Amino acid sequence: MSLLNRPATASVLYDTPGPRARARYRLFGVVSLIAVAGLLAYVVLALADNGQFDPGLWDAFQYNTVQQRILDGLLATLQAFGLAALFSLTLGALLAAGQLSDHKPVRWACTAFTQFFRAMPLLILIVGLYYAFFAQQPMWALVLGLSLYNGAVQAEIIRSGVNAVPRGQSEAAYGLGMHKTQVMTSILVPQAVRTMLPTMIGQLVVTLKDTSLGFVITFHELLFVGKAIASQPINSAGFPYIPVVLVIGPIYIAMCLLLTALARWIEARGRRGANRRTSAAA
């Protein structure tokens, strides 16, 4: 069938599924749902057989000391995240500026630094820093590891955002006699910020989740505290693994959702601002 004779509902890339194909897709969907439901039922039954749904496992959370430990772990997580976010954004901006530099040695050095730490496994970096320099201060091993890795990623985000600005913008600025610093700070970066801010905040969500790697180096963040609580048996009820997961997991999810909501709010606000400026110019 030629493209001119195709039905209006058909795509150039694929034909519209026929009755048999649609029935096959529905069958695959039903089988997949049954398989997922069966897997979940097996997991729930296995946990129930191990006593993980015993109400007595929740008794630990009624003690003030346990509640305080969870709060302290949350504050430690937020402290590590705040420092890592600040340092990674600063480092990312500096590395991006270096990669966009006209000086080849600076550009090559910043590019090599960025590519090296982007390729470095984060856990190996954190553990290496801990044993080499920060055995007595595990928080700084976590913060520095997160800053180096995420700073390299943020540098690529910023560099890509600046390079995505149409070339005519910078050419027009140079034509007006502006030097590179003025072009970057007044023309390119303000336009790039609107497009790269959601991605940058998305990377900050990754940074927040990666703070959980601190438990490997005994930093008393939220996951470490949860693991410590779960490893203590509650009388004859056993170890409260599932209650800890049901308490600690939603805290991480809530923090990540708040950052994601912030990214969406910034994106929507930037879009409204751009629309207002376009309407005013018209």
C-alpha atoms as a PDB file:
ATOM      1  CA  MET A   1       0.000   0.000   0.000  1.00  0.00           C
ATOM      2  CA  SER A   2       1.455   3.395  -0.946  1.00  0.00           C
ATOM      3  CA  LEU A   3       1.647   6.276   1.475  1.00  0.00           C
ATOM      4  CA  LEU A   4      -0.963   8.180  -0.548  1.00  0.00           C
ATOM      5  CA  ASN A   5      -3.477   5.347  -0.232  1.00  0.00           C
ATOM      6  CA  ARG A   6      -3.001   4.767   3.499  1.00  0.00           C
ATOM      7  CA  PRO A   7      -5.994   5.418   5.785  1.00  0.00           C
ATOM      8  CA  ALA A   8      -5.864   8.718   7.641  1.00  0.00           C
ATOM      9  CA  THR A   9      -5.585   6.896  10.974  1.00  0.00           C
ATOM     10  CA  ALA A  10      -2.529   4.872   9.937  1.00  0.00           C
ATOM     11  CA  SER A  11       0.995   5.927  10.861  1.00  0.00           C
ATOM     12  CA  VAL A  12       3.880   6.106   8.434  1.00  0.00           C
ATOM     13  CA  LEU A  13       5.930   3.962  10.826  1.00  0.00           C
ATOM     14  CA  TYR A  14       3.425   1.186  11.505  1.00  0.00           C
ATOM     15  CA  ASP A  15       0.021  -0.099  10.384  1.00  0.00           C
ATOM     16  CA  THR A  16      -3.040   0.236  12.563  1.00  0.00           C
ATOM     17  CA  PRO A  17      -3.535  -3.054  14.477  1.00  0.00           C
ATOM     18  CA  GLY A  18      -6.308  -5.242  13.148  1.00  0.00           C
ATOM     19  CA  PRO A  19      -8.875  -7.187  15.180  1.00  0.00           C
ATOM     20  CA  ARG A  20      -6.564 -10.160  15.712  1.00  0.00           C
ATOM     21  CA  ALA A  21      -3.661  -7.961  16.784  1.00  0.00           C
ATOM     22  CA  ARG A  22      -5.857  -6.029  19.232  1.00  0.00           C
ATOM     23  CA  ALA A  23      -7.156  -9.285  20.701  1.00  0.00           C
ATOM     24  CA  ARG A  24      -3.579 -10.539  21.022  1.00  0.00           C
ATOM     25  CA  TYR A  25      -2.532  -7.332  22.796  1.00  0.00           C
ATOM     26  CA  ARG A  26      -5.445  -7.640  25.232  1.00  0.00           C
ATOM     27  CA  LEU A  27      -4.511 -11.255  25.924  1.00  0.00           C
ATOM     28  CA  PHE A  28      -0.895 -10.272  26.612  1.00  0.00           C
ATOM     29  CA  GLY A  29      -2.104  -7.519  28.948  1.00  0.00           C
ATOM     30  CA  VAL A  30      -4.337  -9.866  30.925  1.00  0.00           C
ATOM     31  CA  VAL A  31      -1.584 -12.504  31.197  1.00  0.00           C
ATOM     32  CA  SER A  32       0.890  -9.841  32.389  1.00  0.00           C
ATOM     33  CA  LEU A  33      -1.520  -8.576  35.050  1.00  0.00           C
ATOM     34  CA  ILE A  34      -2.157 -12.129  36.278  1.00  0.00           C
ATOM     35  CA  ALA A  35       1.596 -12.792  36.438  1.00  0.00           C
ATOM     36  CA  VAL A  36       2.265  -9.582  38.397  1.00  0.00           C
ATOM     37  CA  ALA A  37      -0.637 -10.295  40.761  1.00  0.00           C
ATOM     38  CA  GLY A  38       0.634 -13.833  41.306  1.00  0.00           C
ATOM     39  CA  LEU A  39       4.128 -12.566  42.085  1.00  0.00           C
ATOM     40  CA  LEU A  40       2.788 -10.007  44.570  1.00  0.00           C
ATOM     41  CA  ALA A  41       0.605 -12.651  46.210  1.00  0.00           C
ATOM     42  CA  TYR A  42       3.617 -14.962  46.551  1.00  0.00           C
ATOM     43  CA  VAL A  43       5.692 -12.203  48.167  1.00  0.00           C
ATOM     44  CA  VAL A  44       2.903 -11.264  50.589  1.00  0.00           C
ATOM     45  CA  LEU A  45       2.322 -14.890  51.588  1.00  0.00           C
ATOM     46  CA  ALA A  46       6.052 -15.496  52.066  1.00  0.00           C
ATOM     47  CA  LEU A  47       6.312 -12.418  54.305  1.00  0.00           C
ATOM     48  CA  ALA A  48       3.221 -13.483  56.231  1.00  0.00           C
ATOM     49  CA  ASP A  49       4.682 -16.949  56.809  1.00  0.00           C
ATOM     50  CA  ASN A  50       7.780 -15.258  58.270  1.00  0.00           C
ATOM     51  CA  GLY A  51       5.630 -13.204  60.632  1.00  0.00           C
ATOM     52  CA  GLN A  52       6.429  -9.859  58.988  1.00  0.00           C
ATOM     53  CA  PHE A  53       2.832  -8.669  59.350  1.00  0.00           C
ATOM     54  CA  ASP A  54       2.690  -9.333  63.077  1.00  0.00           C
ATOM     55  CA  PRO A  55       1.282  -6.198  64.785  1.00  0.00           C
ATOM     56  CA  GLY A  56       3.921  -6.594  67.492  1.00  0.00           C
ATOM     57  CA  LEU A  57       6.621  -5.579  65.012  1.00  0.00           C
ATOM     58  CA  TRP A  58       5.285  -2.011  65.111  1.00  0.00           C
ATOM     59  CA  ASP A  59       5.857  -1.674  68.846  1.00  0.00           C
ATOM     60  CA  ALA A  60       9.363  -0.281  68.317  1.00  0.00           C
ATOM     61  CA  PHE A  61       8.001   2.929  66.766  1.00  0.00           C
ATOM     62  CA  GLN A  62       6.110   3.903  69.896  1.00  0.00           C
ATOM     63  CA  TYR A  63       9.348   4.633  71.777  1.00  0.00           C
ATOM     64  CA  ASN A  64      10.666   8.190  71.829  1.00  0.00           C
ATOM     65  CA  THR A  65      14.242   7.006  71.325  1.00  0.00           C
ATOM     66  CA  VAL A  66      13.338   5.265  68.052  1.00  0.00           C
ATOM     67  CA  GLN A  67      11.369   8.278  66.840  1.00  0.00           C
ATOM     68  CA  GLN A  68      14.285  10.540  67.718  1.00  0.00           C
ATOM     69  CA  ARG A  69      16.721   8.282  65.853  1.00  0.00           C
ATOM     70  CA  ILE A  70      14.562   8.472  62.739  1.00  0.00           C
ATOM     71  CA  LEU A  71      14.360  12.260  63.026  1.00  0.00           C
ATOM     72  CA  ASP A  72      18.144  12.509  63.515  1.00  0.00           C
ATOM     73  CA  GLY A  73      18.673  10.273  60.483  1.00  0.00           C
ATOM     74  CA  LEU A  74      16.358  12.452  58.401  1.00  0.00           C
ATOM     75  CA  LEU A  75      18.207  15.606  59.464  1.00  0.00           C
ATOM     76  CA  ALA A  76      21.570  13.990  58.658  1.00  0.00           C
ATOM     77  CA  THR A  77      20.250  13.025  55.221  1.00  0.00           C
ATOM     78  CA  LEU A  78      19.029  16.552  54.550  1.00  0.00           C
ATOM     79  CA  GLN A  79      22.322  18.035  55.774  1.00  0.00           C
ATOM     80  CA  ALA A  80      24.378  15.804  53.484  1.00  0.00           C
ATOM     81  CA  PHE A  81      22.029  16.499  50.587  1.00  0.00           C
ATOM     82  CA  GLY A  82      22.090  20.271  51.149  1.00  0.00           C
ATOM     83  CA  LEU A  83      25.890  20.405  51.163  1.00  0.00           C
ATOM     84  CA  ALA A  84      26.200  18.038  48.180  1.00  0.00           C
ATOM     85  CA  ALA A  85      23.606  20.024  46.213  1.00  0.00           C
ATOM     86  CA  LEU A  86      25.401  23.319  46.871  1.00  0.00           C
ATOM     87  CA  PHE A  87      28.865  21.974  46.074  1.00  0.00           C
ATOM     88  CA  SER A  88      27.760  20.000  42.995  1.00  0.00           C
ATOM     89  CA  LEU A  89      25.952  22.981  41.458  1.00  0.00           C
ATOM     90  CA  THR A  90      28.935  25.243  42.109  1.00  0.00           C
ATOM     91  CA  LEU A  91      31.383  22.698  40.723  1.00  0.00           C
ATOM     92  CA  GLY A  92      29.110  22.034  37.749  1.00  0.00           C
ATOM     93  CA  ALA A  93      28.949  25.732  36.883  1.00  0.00           C
ATOM     94  CA  LEU A  94      32.742  26.070  37.085  1.00  0.00           C
ATOM     95  CA  LEU A  95      33.365  22.951  34.994  1.00  0.00           C
ATOM     96  CA  ALA A  96      30.808  24.028  32.396  1.00  0.00           C
ATOM     97  CA  ALA A  97      32.454  27.443  32.155  1.00  0.00           C
ATOM     98  CA  GLY A  98      35.824  25.747  31.722  1.00  0.00           C
ATOM     99  CA  GLN A  99      34.509  23.457  28.985  1.00  0.00           C
ATOM    100  CA  LEU A 100      33.131  26.481  27.130  1.00  0.00           C
ATOM    101  CA  SER A 101      36.385  28.420  27.520  1.00  0.00           C
ATOM    102  CA  ASP A 102      38.358  29.599  24.489  1.00  0.00           C
ATOM    103  CA  HIS A 103      41.593  28.474  26.167  1.00  0.00           C
ATOM    104  CA  LYS A 104      42.377  24.927  25.084  1.00  0.00           C
ATOM    105  CA  PRO A 105      44.299  23.823  28.223  1.00  0.00           C
ATOM    106  CA  VAL A 106      41.421  24.934  30.450  1.00  0.00           C
ATOM    107  CA  ARG A 107      38.850  23.329  28.183  1.00  0.00           C
ATOM    108  CA  TRP A 108      40.755  20.042  27.959  1.00  0.00           C
ATOM    109  CA  ALA A 109      41.391  19.882  31.714  1.00  0.00           C
ATOM    110  CA  CYS A 110      37.754  20.561  32.602  1.00  0.00           C
ATOM    111  CA  THR A 111      36.516  18.086  30.002  1.00  0.00           C
ATOM    112  CA  ALA A 112      38.865  15.367  31.281  1.00  0.00           C
ATOM    113  CA  PHE A 113      37.833  16.035  34.896  1.00  0.00           C
ATOM    114  CA  THR A 114      34.151  15.912  33.983  1.00  0.00           C
ATOM    115  CA  GLN A 115      34.378  12.709  31.959  1.00  0.00           C
ATOM    116  CA  PHE A 116      36.477  10.960  34.607  1.00  0.00           C
ATOM    117  CA  PHE A 117      34.069  11.578  37.480  1.00  0.00           C
ATOM    118  CA  ARG A 118      31.000  10.888  35.336  1.00  0.00           C
ATOM    119  CA  ALA A 119      32.459   7.461  34.563  1.00  0.00           C
ATOM    120  CA  MET A 120      33.554   6.748  38.146  1.00  0.00           C
ATOM    121  CA  PRO A 121      31.120   4.447  40.042  1.00  0.00           C
ATOM    122  CA  LEU A 122      29.713   6.556  42.844  1.00  0.00           C
ATOM    123  CA  LEU A 123      29.897   3.863  45.522  1.00  0.00           C
ATOM    124  CA  ILE A 124      33.583   3.189  44.784  1.00  0.00           C
ATOM    125  CA  LEU A 125      34.272   6.925  44.944  1.00  0.00           C
ATOM    126  CA  ILE A 126      32.545   7.320  48.313  1.00  0.00           C
ATOM    127  CA  VAL A 127      34.213   4.255  49.848  1.00  0.00           C
ATOM    128  CA  GLY A 128      37.614   5.308  48.507  1.00  0.00           C
ATOM    129  CA  LEU A 129      37.300   8.787  49.995  1.00  0.00           C
ATOM    130  CA  TYR A 130      36.151   7.306  53.300  1.00  0.00           C
ATOM    131  CA  TYR A 131      39.098   4.938  53.752  1.00  0.00           C
ATOM    132  CA  ALA A 132      41.671   7.332  52.292  1.00  0.00           C
ATOM    133  CA  PHE A 133      40.773  10.613  53.997  1.00  0.00           C
ATOM    134  CA  PHE A 134      37.564  10.643  56.053  1.00  0.00           C
ATOM    135  CA  ALA A 135      37.499   7.500  58.189  1.00  0.00           C
ATOM    136  CA  GLN A 136      36.653   9.658  61.212  1.00  0.00           C
ATOM    137  CA  GLN A 137      34.212  11.928  59.345  1.00  0.00           C
ATOM    138  CA  PRO A 138      32.062   9.748  57.073  1.00  0.00           C
ATOM    139  CA  MET A 139      29.675  12.569  56.245  1.00  0.00           C
ATOM    140  CA  TRP A 140      32.374  14.423  54.314  1.00  0.00           C
ATOM    141  CA  ALA A 141      33.271  11.299  52.342  1.00  0.00           C
ATOM    142  CA  LEU A 142      29.624  11.075  51.298  1.00  0.00           C
ATOM    143  CA  VAL A 143      29.281  14.799  50.579  1.00  0.00           C
ATOM    144  CA  LEU A 144      32.517  15.014  48.588  1.00  0.00           C
ATOM    145  CA  GLY A 145      31.743  11.872  46.601  1.00  0.00           C
ATOM    146  CA  LEU A 146      28.262  13.118  45.743  1.00  0.00           C
ATOM    147  CA  SER A 147      29.638  16.564  44.884  1.00  0.00           C
ATOM    148  CA  LEU A 148      32.298  15.263  42.495  1.00  0.00           C
ATOM    149  CA  TYR A 149      30.022  12.825  40.699  1.00  0.00           C
ATOM    150  CA  ASN A 150      26.929  15.010  40.483  1.00  0.00           C
ATOM    151  CA  GLY A 151      29.019  18.111  39.792  1.00  0.00           C
ATOM    152  CA  ALA A 152      30.340  16.393  36.657  1.00  0.00           C
ATOM    153  CA  VAL A 153      26.789  15.513  35.594  1.00  0.00           C
ATOM    154  CA  GLN A 154      25.538  19.040  36.304  1.00  0.00           C
ATOM    155  CA  ALA A 155      28.420  20.416  34.233  1.00  0.00           C
ATOM    156  CA  GLU A 156      27.199  18.457  31.210  1.00  0.00           C
ATOM    157  CA  ILE A 157      23.640  19.675  31.794  1.00  0.00           C
ATOM    158  CA  ILE A 158      24.742  23.311  31.969  1.00  0.00           C
ATOM    159  CA  ARG A 159      27.086  23.004  28.971  1.00  0.00           C
ATOM    160  CA  SER A 160      24.365  21.354  26.899  1.00  0.00           C
ATOM    161  CA  GLY A 161      21.847  24.012  27.911  1.00  0.00           C
ATOM    162  CA  VAL A 162      24.152  26.844  26.869  1.00  0.00           C
ATOM    163  CA  ASN A 163      25.014  25.155  23.576  1.00  0.00           C
ATOM    164  CA  ALA A 164      21.316  24.610  22.856  1.00  0.00           C
ATOM    165  CA  VAL A 165      20.714  28.360  22.613  1.00  0.00           C
ATOM    166  CA  PRO A 166      20.470  29.285  18.901  1.00  0.00           C
ATOM    167  CA  ARG A 167      23.823  30.357  17.485  1.00  0.00           C
ATOM    168  CA  GLY A 168      22.332  33.562  16.139  1.00  0.00           C
ATOM    169  CA  GLN A 169      21.906  34.892  19.668  1.00  0.00           C
ATOM    170  CA  SER A 170      25.623  34.907  20.389  1.00  0.00           C
ATOM    171  CA  GLU A 171      26.524  36.067  16.874  1.00  0.00           C
ATOM    172  CA  ALA A 172      24.227  39.057  17.228  1.00  0.00           C
ATOM    173  CA  ALA A 173      25.732  39.880  20.635  1.00  0.00           C
ATOM    174  CA  TYR A 174      29.279  39.690  19.270  1.00  0.00           C
ATOM    175  CA  GLY A 175      28.154  41.893  16.385  1.00  0.00           C
ATOM    176  CA  LEU A 176      27.125  44.538  18.909  1.00  0.00           C
ATOM    177  CA  GLY A 177      30.650  44.544  20.353  1.00  0.00           C
ATOM    178  CA  MET A 178      30.018  42.468  23.484  1.00  0.00           C
ATOM    179  CA  HIS A 179      32.862  40.280  24.777  1.00  0.00           C
ATOM    180  CA  LYS A 180      32.441  36.620  25.705  1.00  0.00           C
ATOM    181  CA  THR A 181      31.784  37.149  29.408  1.00  0.00           C
ATOM    182  CA  GLN A 182      28.994  39.585  28.608  1.00  0.00           C
ATOM    183  CA  VAL A 183      27.548  37.234  26.009  1.00  0.00           C
ATOM    184  CA  MET A 184      27.559  34.326  28.468  1.00  0.00           C
ATOM    185  CA  THR A 185      26.132  36.186  31.471  1.00  0.00           C
ATOM    186  CA  SER A 186      23.667  38.457  29.664  1.00  0.00           C
ATOM    187  CA  ILE A 187      22.533  36.438  26.644  1.00  0.00           C
ATOM    188  CA  LEU A 188      23.251  32.700  26.744  1.00  0.00           C
ATOM    189  CA  VAL A 189      22.964  31.698  30.410  1.00  0.00           C
ATOM    190  CA  PRO A 190      19.626  33.477  31.120  1.00  0.00           C
ATOM    191  CA  GLN A 191      18.032  31.761  28.116  1.00  0.00           C
ATOM    192  CA  ALA A 192      19.586  28.390  28.941  1.00  0.00           C
ATOM    193  CA  VAL A 193      18.424  28.517  32.567  1.00  0.00           C
ATOM    194  CA  ARG A 194      14.765  28.160  31.593  1.00  0.00           C
ATOM    195  CA  THR A 195      15.397  24.928  29.722  1.00  0.00           C
ATOM    196  CA  MET A 196      17.991  23.309  31.986  1.00  0.00           C
ATOM    197  CA  LEU A 197      16.566  24.077  35.447  1.00  0.00           C
ATOM    198  CA  PRO A 198      14.084  21.156  35.479  1.00  0.00           C
ATOM    199  CA  THR A 199      16.847  18.763  34.421  1.00  0.00           C
ATOM    200  CA  MET A 200      19.198  20.144  37.052  1.00  0.00           C
ATOM    201  CA  ILE A 201      16.591  19.720  39.770  1.00  0.00           C
ATOM    202  CA  GLY A 202      15.920  16.223  38.450  1.00  0.00           C
ATOM    203  CA  GLN A 203      19.588  15.457  39.008  1.00  0.00           C
ATOM    204  CA  LEU A 204      19.263  16.858  42.525  1.00  0.00           C
ATOM    205  CA  VAL A 205      16.551  14.240  43.120  1.00  0.00           C
ATOM    206  CA  VAL A 206      19.146  11.623  42.160  1.00  0.00           C
ATOM    207  CA  THR A 207      21.591  13.261  44.573  1.00  0.00           C
ATOM    208  CA  LEU A 208      19.021  13.039  47.368  1.00  0.00           C
ATOM    209  CA  LYS A 209      18.410   9.350  46.742  1.00  0.00           C
ATOM    210  CA  ASP A 210      22.154   8.656  46.557  1.00  0.00           C
ATOM    211  CA  THR A 211      22.624   9.943  50.103  1.00  0.00           C
ATOM    212  CA  SER A 212      21.387   6.481  51.121  1.00  0.00           C
ATOM    213  CA  LEU A 213      24.814   5.141  50.086  1.00  0.00           C
ATOM    214  CA  GLY A 214      26.113   6.685  53.293  1.00  0.00           C
ATOM    215  CA  PHE A 215      25.018   3.605  55.231  1.00  0.00           C
ATOM    216  CA  VAL A 216      27.915   1.685  53.612  1.00  0.00           C
ATOM    217  CA  ILE A 217      30.444   3.939  55.363  1.00  0.00           C
ATOM    218  CA  THR A 218      28.458   3.984  58.654  1.00  0.00           C
ATOM    219  CA  PHE A 219      27.182   7.539  58.216  1.00  0.00           C
ATOM    220  CA  HIS A 220      24.066   7.766  60.368  1.00  0.00           C
ATOM    221  CA  GLU A 221      21.675   8.918  57.677  1.00  0.00           C
ATOM    222  CA  LEU A 222      18.087   7.731  57.287  1.00  0.00           C
ATOM    223  CA  LEU A 223      18.779   4.352  55.698  1.00  0.00           C
ATOM    224  CA  PHE A 224      21.498   3.512  58.234  1.00  0.00           C
ATOM    225  CA  VAL A 225      19.096   4.307  61.072  1.00  0.00           C
ATOM    226  CA  GLY A 226      16.380   2.210  59.468  1.00  0.00           C
ATOM    227  CA  LYS A 227      18.768  -0.715  59.031  1.00  0.00           C
ATOM    228  CA  ALA A 228      19.817  -0.425  62.681  1.00  0.00           C
ATOM    229  CA  ILE A 229      16.182  -0.465  63.840  1.00  0.00           C
ATOM    230  CA  ALA A 230      15.344  -3.428  61.609  1.00  0.00           C
ATOM    231  CA  SER A 231      18.293  -5.437  62.945  1.00  0.00           C
ATOM    232  CA  GLN A 232      16.961  -5.324  66.514  1.00  0.00           C
ATOM    233  CA  PRO A 233      14.457  -8.119  67.317  1.00  0.00           C
ATOM    234  CA  ILE A 234      11.151  -7.044  68.861  1.00  0.00           C
ATOM    235  CA  ASN A 235      10.588  -9.568  71.660  1.00  0.00           C
ATOM    236  CA  SER A 236       9.264 -12.791  70.129  1.00  0.00           C
ATOM    237  CA  ALA A 237       7.800 -11.060  67.053  1.00  0.00           C
ATOM    238  CA  GLY A 238      11.134 -11.072  65.235  1.00  0.00           C
ATOM    239  CA  PHE A 239      12.902  -8.405  63.205  1.00  0.00           C
ATOM    240  CA  PRO A 240      10.740  -5.480  61.969  1.00  0.00           C
ATOM    241  CA  TYR A 241      12.000  -5.389  58.378  1.00  0.00           C
ATOM    242  CA  ILE A 242       8.662  -4.652  56.697  1.00  0.00           C
ATOM    243  CA  PRO A 243       7.559  -1.972  59.224  1.00  0.00           C
ATOM    244  CA  VAL A 244      10.886  -0.199  58.770  1.00  0.00           C
ATOM    245  CA  VAL A 245      10.507  -0.288  54.985  1.00  0.00           C
ATOM    246  CA  LEU A 246       6.949   1.050  55.305  1.00  0.00           C
ATOM    247  CA  VAL A 247       8.185   3.930  57.483  1.00  0.00           C
ATOM    248  CA  ILE A 248      11.513   4.839  55.851  1.00  0.00           C
ATOM    249  CA  GLY A 249      10.433   4.292  52.221  1.00  0.00           C
ATOM    250  CA  PRO A 250       7.615   6.871  52.198  1.00  0.00           C
ATOM    251  CA  ILE A 251       9.942   9.460  53.765  1.00  0.00           C
ATOM    252  CA  TYR A 252      12.354   9.119  50.832  1.00  0.00           C
ATOM    253  CA  ILE A 253       9.476   9.135  48.360  1.00  0.00           C
ATOM    254  CA  ALA A 254       7.975  12.282  49.933  1.00  0.00           C
ATOM    255  CA  MET A 255      11.295  14.166  49.765  1.00  0.00           C
ATOM    256  CA  CYS A 256      11.827  13.191  46.117  1.00  0.00           C
ATOM    257  CA  LEU A 257       8.253  14.142  45.208  1.00  0.00           C
ATOM    258  CA  LEU A 258       8.713  17.558  46.811  1.00  0.00           C
ATOM    259  CA  LEU A 259      11.838  18.184  44.707  1.00  0.00           C
ATOM    260  CA  THR A 260      10.048  16.971  41.580  1.00  0.00           C
ATOM    261  CA  ALA A 261       7.114  19.280  42.326  1.00  0.00           C
ATOM    262  CA  LEU A 262       9.593  22.137  42.709  1.00  0.00           C
ATOM    263  CA  ALA A 263      11.040  21.363  39.269  1.00  0.00           C
ATOM    264  CA  ARG A 264       7.571  21.366  37.691  1.00  0.00           C
ATOM    265  CA  TRP A 265       6.670  24.623  39.438  1.00  0.00           C
ATOM    266  CA  ILE A 266       9.851  26.319  38.208  1.00  0.00           C
ATOM    267  CA  GLU A 267       9.266  25.022  34.688  1.00  0.00           C
ATOM    268  CA  ALA A 268       5.668  26.258  34.655  1.00  0.00           C
ATOM    269  CA  ARG A 269       6.657  29.636  36.073  1.00  0.00           C
ATOM    270  CA  GLY A 270       9.409  30.027  33.467  1.00  0.00           C
ATOM    271  CA  ARG A 271       6.935  29.143  30.702  1.00  0.00           C
ATOM    272  CA  ARG A 272       4.433  31.719  31.967  1.00  0.00           C
ATOM    273  CA  GLY A 273       7.160  34.353  32.152  1.00  0.00           C
ATOM    274  CA  ALA A 274       8.274  33.615  28.595  1.00  0.00           C
ATOM    275  CA  ASN A 275       4.680  33.821  27.362  1.00  0.00           C
ATOM    276  CA  ARG A 276       4.184  37.188  29.081  1.00  0.00           C
ATOM    277  CA  ARG A 277       7.358  38.565  27.512  1.00  0.00           C
ATOM    278  CA  THR A 278       6.293  37.300  24.091  1.00  0.00           C
ATOM    279  CA  SER A 279       2.855  38.905  24.475  1.00  0.00           C
ATOM    280  CA  ALA A 280       4.396  42.208  25.584  1.00  0.00           C
ATOM    281  CA  ALA A 281       6.786  42.199  22.631  1.00  0.00           C
ATOM    282  CA  ALA A 282       3.899  41.539  20.250  1.00  0.00           C
END
